[in-house]
Amino acid sequence: MILCKYIDTPVGKMRIAATDEGICLFDFQYRKSIDAIVNRVETVLSDRFEEGEHPHFAKLELQMVEYFNGTRQKFDLPLHLVGTSFQKGVWEGLLQIPYAETRSYKQQSIFLGNEKAIRAVASANGENGIAIIVPCHRVIGTNGSLVGYGGGLQRKKWLLEHERKHSGKTGQGELF
């Protein structure tokens, strides 16, 4: 069973979903591709989303409060990544980007072992349905510009500035 509900966050209402294996969705309610992501999860898991509570939700909600308060920089949540092997590899790579740091799509492709896979990596980033926790917001254009975020560029900028503010790093200069 895939249980789901909505929560309010400083960056808008978000939908959470979980299986017994872990969180399989944490994304913006009004994201353009949310229906496609939900359909992918339901198809791959051969199950349907049902409104309800799951034990994983309390831990996620607590860690989100800590993140938005600036006291949590790393999440400790069970994740159930639902996608192709390539997508899962890209998402696991995103988990390696440190808090308040960014990588370009090219740097992420090199990190994943295939510099020529920039477009495929960008596409997999766009299919990520576990926002913030799997930090696709930390991937930027090669020239440092904000590009491609399913939650909207204003949210991406907010998340990156929030992390920079709470990172304890100084002398970084202005973002973007």
C-alpha atoms as a PDB file:
ATOM      1  CA  MET A   1       0.000   0.000   0.000  1.00  0.00           C
ATOM      2  CA  ILE A   2       1.209   3.508  -0.814  1.00  0.00           C
ATOM      3  CA  LEU A   3      -0.091   5.924   1.794  1.00  0.00           C
ATOM      4  CA  CYS A   4      -0.022   9.652   1.156  1.00  0.00           C
ATOM      5  CA  LYS A   5      -1.000  13.007   2.585  1.00  0.00           C
ATOM      6  CA  TYR A   6      -0.216  16.707   2.188  1.00  0.00           C
ATOM      7  CA  ILE A   7       1.809  18.928   4.501  1.00  0.00           C
ATOM      8  CA  ASP A   8       2.462  22.662   4.546  1.00  0.00           C
ATOM      9  CA  THR A   9       6.049  23.887   4.303  1.00  0.00           C
ATOM     10  CA  PRO A  10       7.667  27.313   3.945  1.00  0.00           C
ATOM     11  CA  VAL A  11       7.987  26.585   0.201  1.00  0.00           C
ATOM     12  CA  GLY A  12       4.381  25.501  -0.277  1.00  0.00           C
ATOM     13  CA  LYS A  13       2.117  22.518   0.175  1.00  0.00           C
ATOM     14  CA  MET A  14       3.833  19.205  -0.481  1.00  0.00           C
ATOM     15  CA  ARG A  15       2.616  15.672  -0.986  1.00  0.00           C
ATOM     16  CA  ILE A  16       4.249  12.841   0.968  1.00  0.00           C
ATOM     17  CA  ALA A  17       3.879   9.173   0.091  1.00  0.00           C
ATOM     18  CA  ALA A  18       5.458   6.100   1.619  1.00  0.00           C
ATOM     19  CA  THR A  19       5.583   2.354   1.432  1.00  0.00           C
ATOM     20  CA  ASP A  20       6.871   0.167   4.229  1.00  0.00           C
ATOM     21  CA  GLU A  21      10.275   0.384   2.512  1.00  0.00           C
ATOM     22  CA  GLY A  22      10.442   4.175   2.808  1.00  0.00           C
ATOM     23  CA  ILE A  23       9.454   7.576   1.463  1.00  0.00           C
ATOM     24  CA  CYS A  24       8.648   7.236  -2.247  1.00  0.00           C
ATOM     25  CA  LEU A  25       7.323  10.759  -2.888  1.00  0.00           C
ATOM     26  CA  PHE A  26       7.859  14.192  -1.380  1.00  0.00           C
ATOM     27  CA  ASP A  27       7.003  16.794  -3.940  1.00  0.00           C
ATOM     28  CA  PHE A  28       5.230  20.054  -4.554  1.00  0.00           C
ATOM     29  CA  GLN A  29       1.459  19.804  -4.795  1.00  0.00           C
ATOM     30  CA  TYR A  30       1.238  21.950  -7.915  1.00  0.00           C
ATOM     31  CA  ARG A  31       4.337  20.729  -9.738  1.00  0.00           C
ATOM     32  CA  LYS A  32       3.601  20.430 -13.452  1.00  0.00           C
ATOM     33  CA  SER A  33       4.757  16.795 -13.687  1.00  0.00           C
ATOM     34  CA  ILE A  34       3.399  15.548 -10.337  1.00  0.00           C
ATOM     35  CA  ASP A  35       0.725  13.397 -12.015  1.00  0.00           C
ATOM     36  CA  ALA A  36       3.318  11.694 -14.227  1.00  0.00           C
ATOM     37  CA  ILE A  37       5.531  10.996 -11.204  1.00  0.00           C
ATOM     38  CA  VAL A  38       2.596   9.598  -9.204  1.00  0.00           C
ATOM     39  CA  ASN A  39       1.619   7.412 -12.194  1.00  0.00           C
ATOM     40  CA  ARG A  40       5.200   6.117 -12.498  1.00  0.00           C
ATOM     41  CA  VAL A  41       5.313   5.190  -8.805  1.00  0.00           C
ATOM     42  CA  GLU A  42       1.920   3.473  -8.963  1.00  0.00           C
ATOM     43  CA  THR A  43       2.850   1.579 -12.144  1.00  0.00           C
ATOM     44  CA  VAL A  44       6.265   0.408 -10.960  1.00  0.00           C
ATOM     45  CA  LEU A  45       4.949  -0.636  -7.542  1.00  0.00           C
ATOM     46  CA  SER A  46       1.690  -2.073  -8.955  1.00  0.00           C
ATOM     47  CA  ASP A  47      -0.236  -0.247  -6.263  1.00  0.00           C
ATOM     48  CA  ARG A  48      -2.372   2.861  -5.799  1.00  0.00           C
ATOM     49  CA  PHE A  49      -1.955   5.962  -3.645  1.00  0.00           C
ATOM     50  CA  GLU A  50      -4.399   6.120  -0.739  1.00  0.00           C
ATOM     51  CA  GLU A  51      -4.827   8.983   1.713  1.00  0.00           C
ATOM     52  CA  GLY A  52      -3.662   7.989   5.185  1.00  0.00           C
ATOM     53  CA  GLU A  53      -0.925   8.089   7.781  1.00  0.00           C
ATOM     54  CA  HIS A  54       2.288   6.099   7.638  1.00  0.00           C
ATOM     55  CA  PRO A  55       4.899   5.720  10.406  1.00  0.00           C
ATOM     56  CA  HIS A  56       7.568   7.242   8.086  1.00  0.00           C
ATOM     57  CA  PHE A  57       5.619  10.510   7.876  1.00  0.00           C
ATOM     58  CA  ALA A  58       6.290  11.613  11.462  1.00  0.00           C
ATOM     59  CA  LYS A  59      10.050  11.262  10.985  1.00  0.00           C
ATOM     60  CA  LEU A  60       9.927  13.124   7.656  1.00  0.00           C
ATOM     61  CA  GLU A  61       7.820  15.937   9.098  1.00  0.00           C
ATOM     62  CA  LEU A  62      10.164  16.357  12.084  1.00  0.00           C
ATOM     63  CA  GLN A  63      13.243  16.421   9.849  1.00  0.00           C
ATOM     64  CA  MET A  64      11.568  18.940   7.524  1.00  0.00           C
ATOM     65  CA  VAL A  65      10.833  21.256  10.468  1.00  0.00           C
ATOM     66  CA  GLU A  66      14.495  20.970  11.481  1.00  0.00           C
ATOM     67  CA  TYR A  67      15.652  21.596   7.891  1.00  0.00           C
ATOM     68  CA  PHE A  68      13.494  24.688   7.507  1.00  0.00           C
ATOM     69  CA  ASN A  69      14.603  25.926  10.948  1.00  0.00           C
ATOM     70  CA  GLY A  70      18.195  25.621   9.741  1.00  0.00           C
ATOM     71  CA  THR A  71      19.200  22.963  12.282  1.00  0.00           C
ATOM     72  CA  ARG A  72      19.272  19.912   9.954  1.00  0.00           C
ATOM     73  CA  GLN A  73      21.700  19.625   7.080  1.00  0.00           C
ATOM     74  CA  LYS A  74      21.487  15.885   6.387  1.00  0.00           C
ATOM     75  CA  PHE A  75      18.410  13.704   6.292  1.00  0.00           C
ATOM     76  CA  ASP A  76      18.182  10.313   7.945  1.00  0.00           C
ATOM     77  CA  LEU A  77      15.089   8.844   6.324  1.00  0.00           C
ATOM     78  CA  PRO A  78      14.321   5.518   4.692  1.00  0.00           C
ATOM     79  CA  LEU A  79      13.885   6.188   0.978  1.00  0.00           C
ATOM     80  CA  HIS A  80      12.131   4.019  -1.585  1.00  0.00           C
ATOM     81  CA  LEU A  81      13.517   5.306  -4.882  1.00  0.00           C
ATOM     82  CA  VAL A  82      11.117   4.283  -7.653  1.00  0.00           C
ATOM     83  CA  GLY A  83      12.505   4.522 -11.177  1.00  0.00           C
ATOM     84  CA  THR A  84      14.832   2.917 -13.677  1.00  0.00           C
ATOM     85  CA  SER A  85      18.305   1.777 -12.663  1.00  0.00           C
ATOM     86  CA  PHE A  86      19.753   4.859 -14.366  1.00  0.00           C
ATOM     87  CA  GLN A  87      17.347   7.224 -12.573  1.00  0.00           C
ATOM     88  CA  LYS A  88      18.091   5.617  -9.212  1.00  0.00           C
ATOM     89  CA  GLY A  89      21.824   6.022  -9.864  1.00  0.00           C
ATOM     90  CA  VAL A  90      21.349   9.703 -10.673  1.00  0.00           C
ATOM     91  CA  TRP A  91      19.222  10.241  -7.557  1.00  0.00           C
ATOM     92  CA  GLU A  92      21.754   8.409  -5.379  1.00  0.00           C
ATOM     93  CA  GLY A  93      24.399  10.716  -6.875  1.00  0.00           C
ATOM     94  CA  LEU A  94      22.318  13.735  -5.875  1.00  0.00           C
ATOM     95  CA  LEU A  95      22.405  12.481  -2.290  1.00  0.00           C
ATOM     96  CA  GLN A  96      26.207  12.924  -2.414  1.00  0.00           C
ATOM     97  CA  ILE A  97      26.041  16.690  -3.047  1.00  0.00           C
ATOM     98  CA  PRO A  98      26.820  18.329   0.304  1.00  0.00           C
ATOM     99  CA  TYR A  99      24.430  20.756   1.967  1.00  0.00           C
ATOM    100  CA  ALA A 100      24.775  24.334   0.669  1.00  0.00           C
ATOM    101  CA  GLU A 101      26.947  23.245  -2.259  1.00  0.00           C
ATOM    102  CA  THR A 102      26.060  23.015  -5.922  1.00  0.00           C
ATOM    103  CA  ARG A 103      27.200  21.028  -8.927  1.00  0.00           C
ATOM    104  CA  SER A 104      26.597  21.713 -12.582  1.00  0.00           C
ATOM    105  CA  TYR A 105      24.818  19.103 -14.678  1.00  0.00           C
ATOM    106  CA  LYS A 106      28.192  18.463 -16.355  1.00  0.00           C
ATOM    107  CA  GLN A 107      29.941  17.988 -12.978  1.00  0.00           C
ATOM    108  CA  GLN A 108      27.168  15.623 -11.916  1.00  0.00           C
ATOM    109  CA  SER A 109      27.530  13.648 -15.153  1.00  0.00           C
ATOM    110  CA  ILE A 110      31.285  13.357 -14.599  1.00  0.00           C
ATOM    111  CA  PHE A 111      30.673  12.329 -10.977  1.00  0.00           C
ATOM    112  CA  LEU A 112      28.356   9.586 -12.254  1.00  0.00           C
ATOM    113  CA  GLY A 113      31.029   8.386 -14.679  1.00  0.00           C
ATOM    114  CA  ASN A 114      29.659   9.564 -18.022  1.00  0.00           C
ATOM    115  CA  GLU A 115      30.440  13.140 -19.006  1.00  0.00           C
ATOM    116  CA  LYS A 116      28.393  12.799 -22.201  1.00  0.00           C
ATOM    117  CA  ALA A 117      25.201  11.921 -20.272  1.00  0.00           C
ATOM    118  CA  ILE A 118      24.415  15.538 -19.338  1.00  0.00           C
ATOM    119  CA  ARG A 119      20.960  15.516 -20.944  1.00  0.00           C
ATOM    120  CA  ALA A 120      20.072  12.107 -19.498  1.00  0.00           C
ATOM    121  CA  VAL A 121      21.211  13.240 -16.049  1.00  0.00           C
ATOM    122  CA  ALA A 122      19.156  16.428 -16.384  1.00  0.00           C
ATOM    123  CA  SER A 123      16.129  14.393 -17.431  1.00  0.00           C
ATOM    124  CA  ALA A 124      16.521  12.021 -14.477  1.00  0.00           C
ATOM    125  CA  ASN A 125      16.876  15.019 -12.147  1.00  0.00           C
ATOM    126  CA  GLY A 126      13.560  16.271 -13.521  1.00  0.00           C
ATOM    127  CA  GLU A 127      11.936  12.922 -12.736  1.00  0.00           C
ATOM    128  CA  ASN A 128      13.042  13.055  -9.097  1.00  0.00           C
ATOM    129  CA  GLY A 129       9.906  12.861  -6.953  1.00  0.00           C
ATOM    130  CA  ILE A 130      11.628  13.288  -3.584  1.00  0.00           C
ATOM    131  CA  ALA A 131      12.314  17.012  -3.503  1.00  0.00           C
ATOM    132  CA  ILE A 132      14.727  18.614  -1.012  1.00  0.00           C
ATOM    133  CA  ILE A 133      15.698  15.242   0.534  1.00  0.00           C
ATOM    134  CA  VAL A 134      17.124  14.062  -2.803  1.00  0.00           C
ATOM    135  CA  PRO A 135      18.566  17.508  -3.498  1.00  0.00           C
ATOM    136  CA  CYS A 136      18.130  18.098  -7.225  1.00  0.00           C
ATOM    137  CA  HIS A 137      17.834  21.799  -6.321  1.00  0.00           C
ATOM    138  CA  ARG A 138      21.628  21.744  -5.839  1.00  0.00           C
ATOM    139  CA  VAL A 139      22.267  21.154  -9.547  1.00  0.00           C
ATOM    140  CA  ILE A 140      22.788  24.310 -11.596  1.00  0.00           C
ATOM    141  CA  GLY A 141      23.884  25.354 -15.070  1.00  0.00           C
ATOM    142  CA  THR A 142      27.571  25.198 -16.027  1.00  0.00           C
ATOM    143  CA  ASN A 143      27.719  29.006 -15.924  1.00  0.00           C
ATOM    144  CA  GLY A 144      26.268  29.040 -12.379  1.00  0.00           C
ATOM    145  CA  SER A 145      22.759  29.956 -13.482  1.00  0.00           C
ATOM    146  CA  LEU A 146      19.616  28.542 -11.981  1.00  0.00           C
ATOM    147  CA  VAL A 147      18.066  26.193 -14.486  1.00  0.00           C
ATOM    148  CA  GLY A 148      15.533  23.399 -14.515  1.00  0.00           C
ATOM    149  CA  TYR A 149      13.704  22.831 -11.260  1.00  0.00           C
ATOM    150  CA  GLY A 150      10.310  21.127 -11.170  1.00  0.00           C
ATOM    151  CA  GLY A 151       9.288  23.171  -8.142  1.00  0.00           C
ATOM    152  CA  GLY A 152      10.065  26.424  -9.951  1.00  0.00           C
ATOM    153  CA  LEU A 153      13.207  28.523 -10.067  1.00  0.00           C
ATOM    154  CA  GLN A 154      12.031  30.810  -7.248  1.00  0.00           C
ATOM    155  CA  ARG A 155      11.831  27.786  -4.915  1.00  0.00           C
ATOM    156  CA  LYS A 156      15.222  26.552  -6.093  1.00  0.00           C
ATOM    157  CA  LYS A 157      16.762  29.939  -5.341  1.00  0.00           C
ATOM    158  CA  TRP A 158      15.030  30.049  -1.932  1.00  0.00           C
ATOM    159  CA  LEU A 159      16.303  26.561  -1.000  1.00  0.00           C
ATOM    160  CA  LEU A 160      19.879  27.329  -2.053  1.00  0.00           C
ATOM    161  CA  GLU A 161      19.905  30.657  -0.199  1.00  0.00           C
ATOM    162  CA  HIS A 162      18.353  28.994   2.875  1.00  0.00           C
ATOM    163  CA  GLU A 163      21.081  26.348   2.896  1.00  0.00           C
ATOM    164  CA  ARG A 164      23.849  28.878   2.352  1.00  0.00           C
ATOM    165  CA  LYS A 165      22.498  31.011   5.204  1.00  0.00           C
ATOM    166  CA  HIS A 166      22.455  28.062   7.626  1.00  0.00           C
ATOM    167  CA  SER A 167      25.627  26.326   6.447  1.00  0.00           C
ATOM    168  CA  GLY A 168      28.046  28.266   8.605  1.00  0.00           C
ATOM    169  CA  LYS A 169      30.173  28.916   5.533  1.00  0.00           C
ATOM    170  CA  THR A 170      31.368  32.462   5.128  1.00  0.00           C
ATOM    171  CA  GLY A 171      32.958  34.376   2.315  1.00  0.00           C
ATOM    172  CA  GLN A 172      30.900  32.608  -0.330  1.00  0.00           C
ATOM    173  CA  GLY A 173      29.566  35.794  -1.898  1.00  0.00           C
ATOM    174  CA  GLU A 174      26.217  36.223  -3.530  1.00  0.00           C
ATOM    175  CA  LEU A 175      24.420  33.331  -5.063  1.00  0.00           C
ATOM    176  CA  PHE A 176      23.382  33.811  -8.659  1.00  0.00           C
END
